[in-house]
Amino acid sequence: MYDIDITVDAVGKWRATGRHAHVLDATQREGWDFLMEMDPHFSIAFPGEDRGGITVRVVEAEDGTLTIVEAPDWDGSVSVTFDLT
């Protein structure tokens, strides 16, 4: 679970930009990078809502800005190859 400050910036299809609410420590950054590499789809739950709200695809720019776009057609499957060391 990661806290992200977002601004919703489109009418119609859900889209937002944001940043992590707090600077990630080394362990959190490693976990975040791992999740993003595995599959950049997440569920957003807004304060006061149950978990598992909107399914979104997240893209992180080099400056840390997150672009978050609704992904209603995502079926929850992904094929990823990685090495465990």
Protein backbone atom coordinates (compact mmCIF):
# COMPACT_ATOMS: atom_id res chain seq x y z
CA MET A 1 0.00 0.00 0.00
CA TYR A 2 1.43 3.40 -1.04
CA ASP A 3 0.03 6.85 -0.27
CA ILE A 4 -0.08 9.03 -3.38
CA ASP A 5 -1.21 12.66 -3.66
CA ILE A 6 -3.17 13.03 -6.91
CA THR A 7 -4.99 15.62 -8.98
CA VAL A 8 -7.76 14.32 -11.23
CA ASP A 9 -7.43 16.21 -14.49
CA ALA A 10 -9.96 14.95 -17.01
CA VAL A 11 -13.68 14.65 -17.45
CA GLY A 12 -14.92 11.37 -18.90
CA LYS A 13 -12.19 8.75 -18.78
CA TRP A 14 -10.54 8.92 -15.37
CA ARG A 15 -6.99 10.37 -15.47
CA ALA A 16 -4.78 11.91 -12.81
CA THR A 17 -1.24 13.00 -12.08
CA GLY A 18 0.47 12.69 -8.73
CA ARG A 19 3.48 11.92 -6.59
CA HIS A 20 4.17 9.69 -3.63
CA ALA A 21 2.83 11.43 -0.52
CA HIS A 22 6.09 10.67 1.32
CA VAL A 23 9.63 10.13 0.10
CA LEU A 24 10.15 6.39 -0.26
CA ASP A 25 12.97 4.87 1.78
CA ALA A 26 15.29 2.36 0.08
CA THR A 27 13.12 -0.65 0.97
CA GLN A 28 9.91 1.03 -0.16
CA ARG A 29 11.57 2.19 -3.41
CA GLU A 30 12.78 -1.34 -4.11
CA GLY A 31 9.27 -2.70 -3.50
CA TRP A 32 7.67 -0.01 -5.67
CA ASP A 33 10.10 -0.60 -8.53
CA PHE A 34 9.50 -4.36 -8.29
CA LEU A 35 5.72 -3.90 -8.46
CA MET A 36 5.99 -1.49 -11.39
CA GLU A 37 8.22 -3.93 -13.28
CA MET A 38 5.88 -6.85 -12.58
CA ASP A 39 2.71 -5.04 -13.64
CA PRO A 40 1.91 -1.32 -13.48
CA HIS A 41 -1.81 -1.90 -12.79
CA PHE A 42 -3.13 -1.02 -9.35
CA SER A 43 -6.42 -0.46 -7.56
CA ILE A 44 -6.98 3.01 -6.16
CA ALA A 45 -8.99 3.36 -2.99
CA PHE A 46 -9.84 6.87 -1.87
CA PRO A 47 -9.95 7.80 1.84
CA GLY A 48 -13.10 6.43 3.44
CA GLU A 49 -13.64 3.81 0.70
CA ASP A 50 -13.10 0.08 0.85
CA ARG A 51 -10.02 -1.23 -0.91
CA GLY A 52 -10.24 -2.16 -4.57
CA GLY A 53 -11.80 0.93 -6.11
CA ILE A 54 -10.74 1.96 -9.62
CA THR A 55 -8.26 -0.15 -11.61
CA VAL A 56 -5.56 2.10 -13.06
CA ARG A 57 -2.32 1.91 -15.01
CA VAL A 58 0.56 3.92 -13.51
CA VAL A 59 3.52 5.37 -15.42
CA GLU A 60 6.34 7.00 -13.44
CA ALA A 61 8.45 9.70 -15.10
CA GLU A 62 12.13 10.18 -14.28
CA ASP A 63 11.24 13.18 -12.09
CA GLY A 64 8.91 11.03 -9.96
CA THR A 65 5.66 12.34 -11.44
CA LEU A 66 3.03 9.61 -11.71
CA THR A 67 0.51 9.53 -14.55
CA ILE A 68 -2.51 7.47 -13.55
CA VAL A 69 -5.09 6.40 -16.14
CA GLU A 70 -8.19 4.28 -15.66
CA ALA A 71 -7.75 0.76 -17.07
CA PRO A 72 -11.28 -0.70 -17.09
CA ASP A 73 -10.45 -3.26 -19.79
CA TRP A 74 -7.52 -4.79 -17.91
CA ASP A 75 -8.34 -8.44 -17.19
CA GLY A 76 -5.83 -8.93 -14.37
CA SER A 77 -3.46 -11.14 -16.32
CA VAL A 78 0.11 -10.40 -17.24
CA SER A 79 3.08 -12.43 -18.40
CA VAL A 80 6.41 -11.40 -16.87
CA THR A 81 9.82 -13.04 -16.96
CA PHE A 82 12.31 -12.21 -14.20
CA ASP A 83 15.26 -13.70 -12.35
CA LEU A 84 15.42 -14.21 -8.61
CA THR A 85 18.91 -13.74 -7.23
